[in-house]
C-alpha cells in the first residue's frame, strides 16, 4: 500500500515523541500490506474500527493515540486524515475530519 502524507506522521511524532516507534512500525506494516478490502485490514488489526466511506481508525501506542485514514483499495492508497490523542479523538467526527 502507498501512504499519502507520511510527512504528517513524522511531524506528529516530533510533537509526540512517544509515538515514533509505533508510527514507524505502522508505516512499515501498511507499506508491506496488499489489502483488497476492510476485512483484510480487520484481520491484521483486530482493534481497528472500520467506518463508512472506507475510513479506518487505528489505535496507536496501545490506545493512547488514534489515527484516522481513508483507504482507496483499488489503487492501494492509504490517505492520512487525522492523528491525535485519544482525548482529542473524542472531539472529532471520524467520518468528516480531514486535517491534512
C-alpha atoms as a PDB file:
ATOM      1  CA  UNK A   1       0.000   0.000   0.000  1.00  0.00           C
ATOM      2  CA  UNK A   2       1.130   3.537  -0.654  1.00  0.00           C
ATOM      3  CA  UNK A   3       0.664   6.026   2.175  1.00  0.00           C
ATOM      4  CA  UNK A   4      -0.129   9.630   1.316  1.00  0.00           C
ATOM      5  CA  UNK A   5       1.143  12.256   3.777  1.00  0.00           C
ATOM      6  CA  UNK A   6       3.720  10.216   5.700  1.00  0.00           C
ATOM      7  CA  UNK A   7       5.398  13.557   6.377  1.00  0.00           C
ATOM      8  CA  UNK A   8       2.386  14.439   8.519  1.00  0.00           C
ATOM      9  CA  UNK A   9       3.069  11.444  10.736  1.00  0.00           C
ATOM     10  CA  UNK A  10       6.722  12.418  11.014  1.00  0.00           C
ATOM     11  CA  UNK A  11       5.613  15.860  12.211  1.00  0.00           C
ATOM     12  CA  UNK A  12       3.284  14.241  14.721  1.00  0.00           C
ATOM     13  CA  UNK A  13       5.965  12.049  16.269  1.00  0.00           C
ATOM     14  CA  UNK A  14       8.142  15.132  16.616  1.00  0.00           C
ATOM     15  CA  UNK A  15       5.333  16.657  18.680  1.00  0.00           C
ATOM     16  CA  UNK A  16       4.614  13.336  20.461  1.00  0.00           C
ATOM     17  CA  UNK A  17       7.992  11.515  20.639  1.00  0.00           C
ATOM     18  CA  UNK A  18       6.448   8.572  22.470  1.00  0.00           C
ATOM     19  CA  UNK A  19       4.610   7.644  19.233  1.00  0.00           C
ATOM     20  CA  UNK A  20       7.611   7.475  16.889  1.00  0.00           C
ATOM     21  CA  UNK A  21       8.302   3.762  17.270  1.00  0.00           C
ATOM     22  CA  UNK A  22       4.631   2.773  16.960  1.00  0.00           C
ATOM     23  CA  UNK A  23       4.048   5.022  13.941  1.00  0.00           C
ATOM     24  CA  UNK A  24       7.183   3.791  12.167  1.00  0.00           C
ATOM     25  CA  UNK A  25       6.061   0.209  12.733  1.00  0.00           C
ATOM     26  CA  UNK A  26       2.561   1.025  11.428  1.00  0.00           C
ATOM     27  CA  UNK A  27       4.043   2.681   8.318  1.00  0.00           C
ATOM     28  CA  UNK A  28       6.277  -0.323   7.547  1.00  0.00           C
ATOM     29  CA  UNK A  29       3.430  -2.742   8.091  1.00  0.00           C
ATOM     30  CA  UNK A  30       0.984  -0.832   5.893  1.00  0.00           C
ATOM     31  CA  UNK A  31       3.541  -0.334   3.114  1.00  0.00           C
ATOM     32  CA  UNK A  32       4.063  -4.110   3.067  1.00  0.00           C
ATOM     33  CA  UNK A  33       0.317  -4.818   3.022  1.00  0.00           C
ATOM     34  CA  UNK A  34      -1.776  -5.562  -0.049  1.00  0.00           C
ATOM     35  CA  UNK A  35      -5.279  -5.064   1.300  1.00  0.00           C
ATOM     36  CA  UNK A  36      -8.215  -5.675  -1.016  1.00  0.00           C
ATOM     37  CA  UNK A  37     -10.940  -4.744   1.483  1.00  0.00           C
ATOM     38  CA  UNK A  38     -11.704  -3.776   5.072  1.00  0.00           C
ATOM     39  CA  UNK A  39     -11.911  -7.428   6.174  1.00  0.00           C
ATOM     40  CA  UNK A  40      -8.213  -7.814   5.424  1.00  0.00           C
ATOM     41  CA  UNK A  41      -7.415  -4.697   7.461  1.00  0.00           C
ATOM     42  CA  UNK A  42      -9.525  -6.045  10.325  1.00  0.00           C
ATOM     43  CA  UNK A  43      -7.718  -9.405  10.165  1.00  0.00           C
ATOM     44  CA  UNK A  44      -4.363  -7.662  10.569  1.00  0.00           C
ATOM     45  CA  UNK A  45      -5.560  -5.051  13.077  1.00  0.00           C
ATOM     46  CA  UNK A  46      -8.437  -6.529  15.114  1.00  0.00           C
ATOM     47  CA  UNK A  47      -8.675  -3.403  17.287  1.00  0.00           C
ATOM     48  CA  UNK A  48      -9.076  -1.122  14.256  1.00  0.00           C
ATOM     49  CA  UNK A  49     -12.527   0.285  13.674  1.00  0.00           C
ATOM     50  CA  UNK A  50     -13.806   0.281  10.114  1.00  0.00           C
ATOM     51  CA  UNK A  51     -16.226   3.037   9.172  1.00  0.00           C
ATOM     52  CA  UNK A  52     -18.274   4.102   6.170  1.00  0.00           C
ATOM     53  CA  UNK A  53     -16.504   5.517   3.127  1.00  0.00           C
ATOM     54  CA  UNK A  54     -13.532   3.148   3.634  1.00  0.00           C
ATOM     55  CA  UNK A  55     -12.287   5.037   6.660  1.00  0.00           C
ATOM     56  CA  UNK A  56     -10.431   3.174   9.367  1.00  0.00           C
ATOM     57  CA  UNK A  57      -9.489   4.234  12.893  1.00  0.00           C
ATOM     58  CA  UNK A  58      -6.287   2.653  14.197  1.00  0.00           C
ATOM     59  CA  UNK A  59      -5.211   2.580  17.827  1.00  0.00           C
ATOM     60  CA  UNK A  60      -1.611   3.723  18.072  1.00  0.00           C
ATOM     61  CA  UNK A  61       0.635   3.036  21.053  1.00  0.00           C
ATOM     62  CA  UNK A  62      -1.892   0.891  22.803  1.00  0.00           C
ATOM     63  CA  UNK A  63      -4.948   3.054  22.953  1.00  0.00           C
ATOM     64  CA  UNK A  64      -3.215   6.363  23.738  1.00  0.00           C
ATOM     65  CA  UNK A  65      -3.492   7.776  20.204  1.00  0.00           C
ATOM     66  CA  UNK A  66      -5.824   7.406  17.239  1.00  0.00           C
ATOM     67  CA  UNK A  67      -5.054   7.526  13.535  1.00  0.00           C
ATOM     68  CA  UNK A  68      -7.848   8.017  11.004  1.00  0.00           C
ATOM     69  CA  UNK A  69      -7.197   7.061   7.387  1.00  0.00           C
ATOM     70  CA  UNK A  70      -9.159   6.653   4.193  1.00  0.00           C
ATOM     71  CA  UNK A  71      -8.222   3.622   2.102  1.00  0.00           C
ATOM     72  CA  UNK A  72      -8.783   3.539  -1.637  1.00  0.00           C
ATOM     73  CA  UNK A  73      -8.456  -0.194  -2.144  1.00  0.00           C
ATOM     74  CA  UNK A  74      -8.415  -0.350  -5.989  1.00  0.00           C
ATOM     75  CA  UNK A  75      -5.325   1.900  -6.157  1.00  0.00           C
ATOM     76  CA  UNK A  76      -3.757   0.524  -2.932  1.00  0.00           C
ATOM     77  CA  UNK A  77      -3.572   4.002  -1.396  1.00  0.00           C
ATOM     78  CA  UNK A  78      -3.933   4.995   2.260  1.00  0.00           C
ATOM     79  CA  UNK A  79      -4.642   8.681   2.931  1.00  0.00           C
ATOM     80  CA  UNK A  80      -3.806  10.069   6.364  1.00  0.00           C
ATOM     81  CA  UNK A  81      -6.808  12.076   7.574  1.00  0.00           C
ATOM     82  CA  UNK A  82      -6.144  12.754  11.257  1.00  0.00           C
ATOM     83  CA  UNK A  83      -3.880  11.827  14.165  1.00  0.00           C
ATOM     84  CA  UNK A  84      -4.190  12.760  17.814  1.00  0.00           C
ATOM     85  CA  UNK A  85      -4.588  11.636  21.362  1.00  0.00           C
ATOM     86  CA  UNK A  86      -7.494   9.507  22.467  1.00  0.00           C
ATOM     87  CA  UNK A  87      -8.906  12.544  24.296  1.00  0.00           C
ATOM     88  CA  UNK A  88      -8.655  14.707  21.142  1.00  0.00           C
ATOM     89  CA  UNK A  89     -10.334  11.952  19.130  1.00  0.00           C
ATOM     90  CA  UNK A  90     -13.406  12.277  21.331  1.00  0.00           C
ATOM     91  CA  UNK A  91     -13.917  15.772  19.843  1.00  0.00           C
ATOM     92  CA  UNK A  92     -13.726  14.957  16.114  1.00  0.00           C
ATOM     93  CA  UNK A  93     -16.097  13.295  13.692  1.00  0.00           C
ATOM     94  CA  UNK A  94     -14.065  10.417  12.221  1.00  0.00           C
ATOM     95  CA  UNK A  95     -16.216  10.413   9.073  1.00  0.00           C
ATOM     96  CA  UNK A  96     -15.690  14.100   8.370  1.00  0.00           C
ATOM     97  CA  UNK A  97     -12.300  15.084   9.769  1.00  0.00           C
ATOM     98  CA  UNK A  98      -9.616  15.911   7.198  1.00  0.00           C
ATOM     99  CA  UNK A  99      -6.933  17.953   8.923  1.00  0.00           C
ATOM    100  CA  UNK A 100      -4.261  17.346   6.363  1.00  0.00           C
END
